[in-house]
Amino acid sequence: MLFTEDFLHYVWKFRLFERADLRTVDGEEIEVFSAGLHNKDAGPDFQTARIRIGDTVWAGNVELHLKSSDWQKHGHAGDNAYDNVILHVVYRDDEPVILPNGRRIPTLELQDRIPEVLYNRYHHLVYGNQQVIPCEASIGLVDGLTMHNWLSRIMIERLEKRSETVISALTLNRGDWEETFYRFLAANFGFKINALPFELMAKSLPQIILAKHKNYALQIEALIFGQAGFLEGDFKDEYPLKLKAEYSFLQKKHKLKPVENHLWKFMRLRPQNFPTIRLAQFAALIIRSNHLLSKVLEIKEVDGLRKLFADVTVNEYWETHYRFDTESAPSSKQLGQASVNLLLMNTVVLFLFSYGRHHQQGYYISRAIKLLESLPAEKNNITGDFATLGVKINNAFESQGLLELKNSYCNYKKCLDCGVGNKILKLA
């Protein structure tokens, strides 16, 4: 039988063992009032438990092991942190544990008290031969309320973890929220495949420089395309020639060094997603509103946030071009709805949440969650797999929660720490 301490912790935490006539290995009667708080740091496994042993009610810590002899193996005998252990819970009692005062620590053996059906479900989850996720055969049976509550919890965990990256960047940017937002937004404009060169471009071109030229659209475009390394060639069209002339002056004025152009990727991208078009859209957004985070914080309605990104108009040159000097059939180069949704999800939501958390203003946190709930669910391999298994995905809040579930729990088979896994183990 494959058995782990994690499973033993789970059984104790939720008191899923047979509790009738519960006694220590020495025959003293036990009644568990509180299993204690699960401690995942150093020290006893459960703290502040309340347990009656014999005629005495004890308050203290509980330590769990697969075998009682593990007490010695794990070095607890000489560790003062374990002096307040009131009960030793083990799967199998193979030797007595004697405290320094000569008293045997009260020990509860659970070997014959764990329901076989519970163990079988656990074994199937953790050691089964599943293809997608450990609970793929059962997740469709989990009720909607349980699923929603768990996804809500881990979605907040996801936002909290991601907000730490924002605060770290904010520190490097000397507390400048606008600059930090500008850099994150730039990276997300790269939509993964060109995220790195976009991020490098933004770092090489601080927003304060763009702000000095906010009334001159051509100069903004020249700075962005120039720093992206797209103005180093020879051109025949009037527009790129103007950009190059403007950039030549501005580069010297601000002592700028462009990123290497070879970092940008065009292969296997639809022309609408070419980095030149994304840079044009980014420039149009900067031209329209230089202090973007302030706008985001001001706009209260979801539709207003959509319009902030959707209603940007690129330079008319790009209506008939995807690259410099290469004409194409006329087409709109506005950001599509799917792209706007991704920017709202990955940048706006993150900064509303991070700003609210940093300043302890729940209003912005609520707005972040409301925005996620208003966006359509993402369609990717992970959400597709969950949908195939019978999970209903109603919006981006839930699809993002499922990404966190898959990447932080399912991939590591942390079923015992998962609200969905817990529900499945307890299903009748």
Protein backbone atom coordinates (compact mmCIF):
# COMPACT_ATOMS: atom_id res chain seq x y z
CA MET A 1 0.00 0.00 0.00
CA LEU A 2 1.40 3.40 -1.05
CA PHE A 3 0.86 5.86 1.76
CA THR A 4 2.21 9.36 2.35
CA GLU A 5 2.40 11.74 5.27
CA ASP A 6 0.44 14.26 3.22
CA PHE A 7 -2.48 11.85 3.12
CA LEU A 8 -2.15 11.21 6.84
CA HIS A 9 -2.24 14.99 7.40
CA TYR A 10 -5.37 15.19 5.27
CA VAL A 11 -7.09 12.41 7.22
CA TRP A 12 -6.27 14.05 10.56
CA LYS A 13 -7.13 17.59 9.43
CA PHE A 14 -10.64 16.63 8.36
CA ARG A 15 -11.00 13.86 10.96
CA LEU A 16 -11.81 11.26 8.31
CA PHE A 17 -10.77 8.31 10.51
CA GLU A 18 -13.05 6.03 12.52
CA ARG A 19 -13.61 7.88 15.81
CA ALA A 20 -15.63 5.34 17.75
CA ASP A 21 -13.84 4.13 20.90
CA LEU A 22 -10.77 6.21 20.06
CA ARG A 23 -7.83 5.36 22.33
CA THR A 24 -4.07 5.78 22.59
CA VAL A 25 -1.87 2.73 22.08
CA ASP A 26 -1.74 2.55 25.91
CA GLY A 27 -5.54 2.35 26.11
CA GLU A 28 -6.38 5.88 27.25
CA GLU A 29 -9.62 7.27 25.82
CA ILE A 30 -9.26 10.13 23.29
CA GLU A 31 -11.73 12.81 22.21
CA VAL A 32 -10.67 15.33 19.57
CA PHE A 33 -12.31 18.73 20.03
CA SER A 34 -10.04 20.48 17.52
CA ALA A 35 -7.46 18.92 15.20
CA GLY A 36 -5.48 22.18 15.30
CA LEU A 37 -4.21 24.53 12.63
CA HIS A 38 -2.21 22.90 9.84
CA ASN A 39 1.37 24.17 10.01
CA LYS A 40 3.34 23.84 6.76
CA ASP A 41 6.43 25.59 8.12
CA ALA A 42 9.01 24.32 10.60
CA GLY A 43 7.73 22.83 13.83
CA PRO A 44 4.88 20.46 14.77
CA ASP A 45 2.41 19.63 12.01
CA PHE A 46 -0.72 20.92 13.76
CA GLN A 47 -0.80 23.70 16.31
CA THR A 48 -3.25 24.78 19.04
CA ALA A 49 -5.20 21.51 19.00
CA ARG A 50 -7.64 20.67 21.83
CA ILE A 51 -7.84 17.02 22.80
CA ARG A 52 -9.10 15.08 25.82
CA ILE A 53 -6.80 12.22 26.77
CA GLY A 54 -8.18 10.21 29.64
CA ASP A 55 -9.70 12.70 32.10
CA THR A 56 -7.56 15.68 31.04
CA VAL A 57 -8.24 18.21 28.25
CA TRP A 58 -4.99 19.30 26.63
CA ALA A 59 -4.24 22.29 24.43
CA GLY A 60 -1.11 22.13 22.32
CA ASN A 61 0.52 20.69 19.22
CA VAL A 62 0.09 17.42 17.32
CA GLU A 63 2.85 15.73 15.32
CA LEU A 64 2.15 13.16 12.59
CA HIS A 65 4.37 10.43 11.17
CA LEU A 66 3.91 7.29 9.10
CA LYS A 67 5.77 5.36 11.83
CA SER A 68 6.34 6.35 15.44
CA SER A 69 10.06 5.62 15.01
CA ASP A 70 10.20 8.59 12.58
CA TRP A 71 10.17 10.83 15.66
CA GLN A 72 13.78 9.89 16.31
CA LYS A 73 14.75 9.79 12.62
CA HIS A 74 13.49 13.34 12.08
CA GLY A 75 15.47 14.64 15.05
CA HIS A 76 12.53 15.72 17.21
CA ALA A 77 13.94 14.17 20.38
CA GLY A 78 16.37 17.03 20.98
CA ASP A 79 14.24 19.82 19.53
CA ASN A 80 12.53 22.12 22.05
CA ALA A 81 9.95 23.08 19.40
CA TYR A 82 8.34 19.69 20.04
CA ASP A 83 8.15 19.95 23.83
CA ASN A 84 4.51 21.01 23.64
CA VAL A 85 3.32 18.06 21.53
CA ILE A 86 0.28 16.60 23.27
CA LEU A 87 -0.39 13.75 20.85
CA HIS A 88 1.66 11.75 18.36
CA VAL A 89 -0.55 10.54 15.49
CA VAL A 90 0.95 7.73 13.41
CA TYR A 91 -0.16 5.34 10.74
CA ARG A 92 1.74 2.50 12.44
CA ASP A 93 3.16 2.41 15.96
CA ASP A 94 6.46 0.52 15.69
CA GLU A 95 8.24 1.79 18.81
CA PRO A 96 7.43 3.95 21.83
CA VAL A 97 8.56 7.58 21.87
CA ILE A 98 9.97 8.51 25.28
CA LEU A 99 10.25 12.18 26.22
CA PRO A 100 13.29 13.52 28.18
CA ASN A 101 11.23 13.42 31.39
CA GLY A 102 10.81 9.65 30.95
CA ARG A 103 7.12 9.86 30.00
CA ARG A 104 5.89 8.13 26.85
CA ILE A 105 4.22 10.59 24.53
CA PRO A 106 0.53 9.70 24.00
CA THR A 107 0.25 8.01 20.61
CA LEU A 108 -2.75 7.40 18.34
CA GLU A 109 -2.39 4.71 15.68
CA LEU A 110 -4.66 5.09 12.61
CA GLN A 111 -3.63 1.99 10.66
CA ASP A 112 -7.01 0.27 11.06
CA ARG A 113 -9.14 3.42 11.22
CA ILE A 114 -8.88 4.87 7.71
CA PRO A 115 -11.79 3.84 5.42
CA GLU A 116 -10.60 1.73 2.51
CA VAL A 117 -12.82 3.63 0.04
CA LEU A 118 -11.13 6.90 1.03
CA TYR A 119 -7.68 5.45 0.53
CA ASN A 120 -8.68 3.96 -2.85
CA ARG A 121 -9.92 7.34 -4.09
CA TYR A 122 -6.73 9.02 -2.90
CA HIS A 123 -4.55 6.35 -4.53
CA HIS A 124 -6.43 6.68 -7.82
CA LEU A 125 -6.01 10.46 -7.81
CA VAL A 126 -2.32 10.56 -7.00
CA TYR A 127 -1.06 7.36 -8.62
CA GLY A 128 -3.61 6.72 -11.36
CA ASN A 129 -2.76 6.75 -15.06
CA GLN A 130 -4.64 9.92 -16.00
CA GLN A 131 -3.97 11.78 -19.24
CA VAL A 132 -5.01 15.36 -18.41
CA ILE A 133 -5.50 15.94 -14.67
CA PRO A 134 -5.59 13.56 -11.69
CA CYS A 135 -9.36 13.89 -11.16
CA GLU A 136 -10.35 13.79 -14.82
CA ALA A 137 -12.80 10.93 -14.25
CA SER A 138 -14.60 12.73 -11.42
CA ILE A 139 -14.30 16.50 -11.85
CA GLY A 140 -17.50 16.62 -13.89
CA LEU A 141 -19.39 15.38 -10.80
CA VAL A 142 -18.28 18.30 -8.62
CA ASP A 143 -21.11 20.76 -8.04
CA GLY A 144 -20.92 24.26 -9.48
CA LEU A 145 -20.83 26.00 -6.10
CA THR A 146 -17.77 24.04 -4.93
CA MET A 147 -16.01 24.66 -8.24
CA HIS A 148 -16.82 28.38 -8.22
CA ASN A 149 -15.73 28.86 -4.61
CA TRP A 150 -12.43 27.09 -5.16
CA LEU A 151 -11.68 28.90 -8.42
CA SER A 152 -12.44 32.19 -6.67
CA ARG A 153 -9.97 31.38 -3.92
CA ILE A 154 -7.11 30.33 -6.18
CA MET A 155 -7.81 33.18 -8.59
CA ILE A 156 -7.15 35.60 -5.75
CA GLU A 157 -3.99 33.60 -4.97
CA ARG A 158 -2.97 33.99 -8.61
CA LEU A 159 -3.54 37.74 -8.57
CA GLU A 160 -1.67 38.10 -5.29
CA LYS A 161 1.34 36.22 -6.68
CA ARG A 162 1.34 38.23 -9.90
CA SER A 163 0.94 41.49 -8.01
CA GLU A 164 4.24 40.77 -6.26
CA THR A 165 5.99 41.09 -9.64
CA VAL A 166 4.31 44.47 -10.10
CA ILE A 167 5.46 45.69 -6.68
CA SER A 168 9.01 44.45 -7.36
CA ALA A 169 9.06 46.35 -10.65
CA LEU A 170 7.54 49.39 -8.91
CA THR A 171 10.44 49.38 -6.45
CA LEU A 172 12.96 49.28 -9.30
CA ASN A 173 11.09 52.16 -10.93
CA ARG A 174 11.33 54.20 -7.71
CA GLY A 175 7.63 54.05 -6.99
CA ASP A 176 6.57 55.34 -10.41
CA TRP A 177 3.25 53.61 -11.11
CA GLU A 178 2.85 55.15 -14.58
CA GLU A 179 6.26 53.95 -15.76
CA THR A 180 5.66 50.49 -14.33
CA PHE A 181 2.26 50.23 -16.04
CA TYR A 182 3.75 51.45 -19.32
CA ARG A 183 6.42 48.73 -19.26
CA PHE A 184 4.01 45.93 -18.39
CA LEU A 185 1.59 47.11 -21.06
CA ALA A 186 4.37 47.18 -23.65
CA ALA A 187 5.41 43.61 -22.82
CA ASN A 188 1.80 42.45 -23.13
CA PHE A 189 1.47 44.21 -26.48
CA GLY A 190 3.99 41.63 -27.68
CA PHE A 191 1.41 38.88 -27.00
CA LYS A 192 4.01 36.36 -25.81
CA ILE A 193 5.93 35.85 -29.05
CA ASN A 194 7.26 39.43 -29.11
CA ALA A 195 6.93 40.19 -25.42
CA LEU A 196 10.71 40.38 -24.83
CA PRO A 197 11.63 42.92 -27.55
CA PHE A 198 8.58 45.00 -26.60
CA GLU A 199 9.70 45.01 -22.98
CA LEU A 200 13.28 45.92 -23.93
CA MET A 201 12.01 48.71 -26.16
CA ALA A 202 9.94 50.18 -23.31
CA LYS A 203 12.88 49.98 -20.89
CA SER A 204 15.10 51.78 -23.40
CA LEU A 205 12.47 54.49 -23.90
CA PRO A 206 11.18 55.76 -20.53
CA GLN A 207 7.71 57.20 -20.55
CA ILE A 208 9.04 60.56 -19.36
CA ILE A 209 10.73 61.01 -22.76
CA LEU A 210 7.50 60.23 -24.60
CA ALA A 211 5.67 62.70 -22.36
CA LYS A 212 7.96 65.50 -23.59
CA HIS A 213 6.72 64.88 -27.14
CA LYS A 214 3.07 64.14 -26.36
CA ASN A 215 1.81 66.88 -28.70
CA TYR A 216 3.78 65.60 -31.70
CA ALA A 217 2.41 62.31 -33.02
CA LEU A 218 5.16 61.82 -35.60
CA GLN A 219 7.83 62.16 -32.92
CA ILE A 220 6.13 59.59 -30.69
CA GLU A 221 5.96 57.17 -33.63
CA ALA A 222 9.59 57.90 -34.53
CA LEU A 223 10.77 57.24 -30.99
CA ILE A 224 8.90 53.94 -30.71
CA PHE A 225 9.85 52.56 -34.13
CA GLY A 226 13.38 53.89 -33.78
CA GLN A 227 13.95 52.33 -30.36
CA ALA A 228 12.50 49.09 -31.70
CA GLY A 229 15.28 49.08 -34.30
CA PHE A 230 13.03 49.44 -37.36
CA LEU A 231 14.48 52.72 -38.70
CA GLU A 232 18.02 51.63 -39.44
CA GLY A 233 17.53 50.70 -43.11
CA ASP A 234 17.10 52.68 -46.32
CA PHE A 235 13.53 53.58 -47.26
CA LYS A 236 11.69 54.78 -50.32
CA ASP A 237 8.29 55.68 -48.81
CA GLU A 238 7.81 59.17 -47.43
CA TYR A 239 6.44 58.07 -44.03
CA PRO A 240 9.40 55.92 -42.88
CA LEU A 241 11.80 58.54 -44.28
CA LYS A 242 10.15 61.17 -42.05
CA LEU A 243 10.29 58.82 -39.07
CA LYS A 244 13.98 58.17 -39.66
CA ALA A 245 14.77 61.87 -39.89
CA GLU A 246 12.87 62.63 -36.68
CA TYR A 247 14.46 59.72 -34.86
CA SER A 248 17.98 60.67 -35.95
CA PHE A 249 17.57 63.99 -34.15
CA LEU A 250 15.72 62.61 -31.11
CA GLN A 251 18.14 59.74 -30.62
CA LYS A 252 21.04 62.15 -30.26
CA LYS A 253 19.01 64.54 -28.10
CA HIS A 254 18.03 61.86 -25.58
CA LYS A 255 21.13 59.67 -26.01
CA LEU A 256 19.09 56.63 -26.91
CA LYS A 257 20.27 53.16 -27.85
CA PRO A 258 17.76 51.04 -29.83
CA VAL A 259 17.12 47.36 -29.22
CA GLU A 260 18.45 44.85 -31.72
CA ASN A 261 15.99 44.47 -34.57
CA HIS A 262 16.64 40.75 -35.03
CA LEU A 263 14.80 40.06 -31.76
CA TRP A 264 11.45 40.76 -33.39
CA LYS A 265 9.63 37.75 -34.84
CA PHE A 266 7.43 37.76 -37.95
CA MET A 267 7.41 34.05 -38.81
CA ARG A 268 4.16 32.12 -38.35
CA LEU A 269 2.31 35.30 -37.43
CA ARG A 270 -0.75 36.59 -39.22
CA PRO A 271 0.10 39.95 -40.82
CA GLN A 272 -2.37 41.61 -38.44
CA ASN A 273 -0.09 40.51 -35.59
CA PHE A 274 3.20 41.62 -37.14
CA PRO A 275 5.33 43.56 -34.64
CA THR A 276 5.24 46.61 -36.94
CA ILE A 277 1.44 46.73 -36.60
CA ARG A 278 1.58 46.16 -32.85
CA LEU A 279 4.13 48.98 -32.52
CA ALA A 280 1.90 51.26 -34.58
CA GLN A 281 -1.05 50.43 -32.31
CA PHE A 282 1.07 50.97 -29.21
CA ALA A 283 2.23 54.34 -30.52
CA ALA A 284 -1.38 55.34 -31.28
CA LEU A 285 -2.37 54.46 -27.71
CA ILE A 286 0.49 56.53 -26.25
CA ILE A 287 -0.39 59.46 -28.52
CA ARG A 288 -4.00 59.32 -27.40
CA SER A 289 -3.26 59.14 -23.68
CA ASN A 290 0.24 59.41 -22.29
CA HIS A 291 -0.61 58.74 -18.62
CA LEU A 292 -2.51 55.53 -19.21
CA LEU A 293 -2.70 54.21 -15.67
CA SER A 294 -4.38 57.42 -14.50
CA LYS A 295 -6.99 56.90 -17.20
CA VAL A 296 -7.48 53.27 -16.15
CA LEU A 297 -7.98 54.29 -12.53
CA GLU A 298 -10.46 57.00 -13.53
CA ILE A 299 -12.62 54.94 -15.89
CA LYS A 300 -15.24 53.12 -13.82
CA GLU A 301 -17.18 51.23 -16.49
CA VAL A 302 -15.96 48.17 -18.36
CA ASP A 303 -17.10 49.62 -21.70
CA GLY A 304 -14.98 52.69 -21.06
CA LEU A 305 -11.90 50.55 -20.53
CA ARG A 306 -12.62 48.66 -23.74
CA LYS A 307 -12.88 51.90 -25.68
CA LEU A 308 -9.60 53.15 -24.27
CA PHE A 309 -7.83 50.35 -26.16
CA ALA A 310 -10.23 49.59 -29.00
CA ASP A 311 -10.72 53.12 -30.32
CA VAL A 312 -7.10 53.86 -31.19
CA THR A 313 -6.39 54.83 -34.80
CA VAL A 314 -2.96 54.06 -36.23
CA ASN A 315 -1.20 56.31 -38.72
CA GLU A 316 -2.98 56.11 -42.08
CA TYR A 317 0.19 54.68 -43.66
CA TRP A 318 -0.53 51.35 -41.99
CA GLU A 319 -3.96 51.08 -43.63
CA THR A 320 -2.15 49.88 -46.75
CA HIS A 321 1.02 48.42 -45.22
CA TYR A 322 2.14 45.67 -42.86
CA ARG A 323 5.83 46.50 -43.29
CA PHE A 324 7.71 49.61 -44.34
CA ASP A 325 7.98 50.05 -48.14
CA THR A 326 5.73 47.04 -48.88
CA GLU A 327 2.23 48.01 -49.94
CA SER A 328 -0.74 45.72 -49.23
CA ALA A 329 -4.49 45.72 -49.75
CA PRO A 330 -6.33 48.26 -47.55
CA SER A 331 -7.44 46.88 -44.18
CA SER A 332 -8.28 48.11 -40.70
CA LYS A 333 -5.40 47.96 -38.26
CA GLN A 334 -7.35 48.63 -35.07
CA LEU A 335 -6.87 46.28 -32.14
CA GLY A 336 -9.29 43.38 -32.43
CA GLN A 337 -11.66 42.43 -29.64
CA ALA A 338 -9.64 39.36 -28.67
CA SER A 339 -6.46 41.46 -28.37
CA VAL A 340 -8.25 44.10 -26.30
CA ASN A 341 -9.57 41.40 -23.98
CA LEU A 342 -6.06 40.02 -23.45
CA LEU A 343 -4.67 43.46 -22.64
CA LEU A 344 -7.49 44.12 -20.19
CA MET A 345 -6.98 40.71 -18.58
CA ASN A 346 -3.20 40.67 -18.36
CA THR A 347 -2.46 44.33 -17.69
CA VAL A 348 -5.47 46.35 -16.56
CA VAL A 349 -6.87 43.72 -14.18
CA LEU A 350 -3.40 43.09 -12.72
CA PHE A 351 -2.73 46.78 -12.08
CA LEU A 352 -6.17 47.52 -10.64
CA PHE A 353 -5.66 44.63 -8.23
CA SER A 354 -2.03 45.53 -7.43
CA TYR A 355 -2.81 49.23 -6.95
CA GLY A 356 -5.74 48.45 -4.67
CA ARG A 357 -3.75 45.92 -2.66
CA HIS A 358 -0.72 48.19 -2.32
CA HIS A 359 -2.80 51.17 -1.20
CA GLN A 360 -5.28 49.02 0.77
CA GLN A 361 -8.19 50.27 -1.33
CA GLY A 362 -10.66 47.45 -1.84
CA TYR A 363 -12.54 49.47 -4.45
CA TYR A 364 -9.87 48.82 -7.08
CA ILE A 365 -9.62 45.13 -6.15
CA SER A 366 -13.38 44.81 -6.63
CA ARG A 367 -13.12 46.54 -9.98
CA ALA A 368 -10.39 44.13 -11.08
CA ILE A 369 -12.53 41.11 -10.22
CA LYS A 370 -15.64 42.64 -11.83
CA LEU A 371 -13.65 43.31 -15.01
CA LEU A 372 -12.42 39.70 -15.16
CA GLU A 373 -15.96 38.44 -14.67
CA SER A 374 -17.15 40.60 -17.56
CA LEU A 375 -14.55 39.28 -20.03
CA PRO A 376 -15.16 36.11 -22.06
CA ALA A 377 -13.33 32.94 -21.07
CA GLU A 378 -10.04 32.27 -22.79
CA LYS A 379 -9.83 29.50 -25.32
CA ASN A 380 -6.63 27.51 -25.11
CA ASN A 381 -5.50 23.91 -24.64
CA ILE A 382 -5.98 23.96 -20.87
CA THR A 383 -9.48 25.45 -20.86
CA GLY A 384 -10.37 23.17 -23.76
CA ASP A 385 -9.34 20.12 -21.73
CA PHE A 386 -11.41 21.22 -18.74
CA ALA A 387 -14.43 21.87 -20.96
CA THR A 388 -14.10 18.38 -22.45
CA LEU A 389 -14.13 16.96 -18.90
CA GLY A 390 -17.47 18.65 -18.22
CA VAL A 391 -16.33 21.85 -16.48
CA LYS A 392 -18.44 24.88 -17.37
CA ILE A 393 -16.37 28.00 -17.95
CA ASN A 394 -18.45 31.16 -17.89
CA ASN A 395 -15.94 34.01 -18.01
CA ALA A 396 -12.29 35.02 -17.82
CA PHE A 397 -12.30 34.94 -14.03
CA GLU A 398 -13.06 31.21 -14.16
CA SER A 399 -10.75 30.44 -17.09
CA GLN A 400 -7.86 32.20 -15.32
CA GLY A 401 -8.72 30.24 -12.19
CA LEU A 402 -8.53 27.01 -14.16
CA LEU A 403 -5.09 27.95 -15.47
CA GLU A 404 -3.96 28.43 -11.87
CA LEU A 405 -5.59 25.14 -10.88
CA LYS A 406 -3.81 23.23 -13.64
CA ASN A 407 -0.39 24.85 -13.25
CA SER A 408 -0.19 25.07 -9.45
CA TYR A 409 -2.20 22.06 -8.30
CA CYS A 410 -2.98 19.47 -11.00
CA ASN A 411 0.53 19.39 -12.48
CA TYR A 412 1.96 18.63 -9.03
CA LYS A 413 -0.89 16.34 -7.96
CA LYS A 414 -1.63 18.53 -4.96
CA CYS A 415 -5.11 17.02 -4.72
CA LEU A 416 -5.09 17.04 -0.92
CA ASP A 417 -4.60 20.82 -0.92
CA CYS A 418 -7.24 21.37 -3.60
CA GLY A 419 -10.88 22.15 -2.85
CA VAL A 420 -11.96 20.13 -5.88
CA GLY A 421 -9.79 17.17 -4.89
CA ASN A 422 -11.15 17.33 -1.33
CA LYS A 423 -14.71 17.27 -2.64
CA ILE A 424 -14.02 14.25 -4.83
CA LEU A 425 -12.41 12.33 -1.96
CA LYS A 426 -15.53 12.94 0.13
CA LEU A 427 -18.06 12.05 -2.57
CA ALA A 428 -20.42 9.32 -1.41
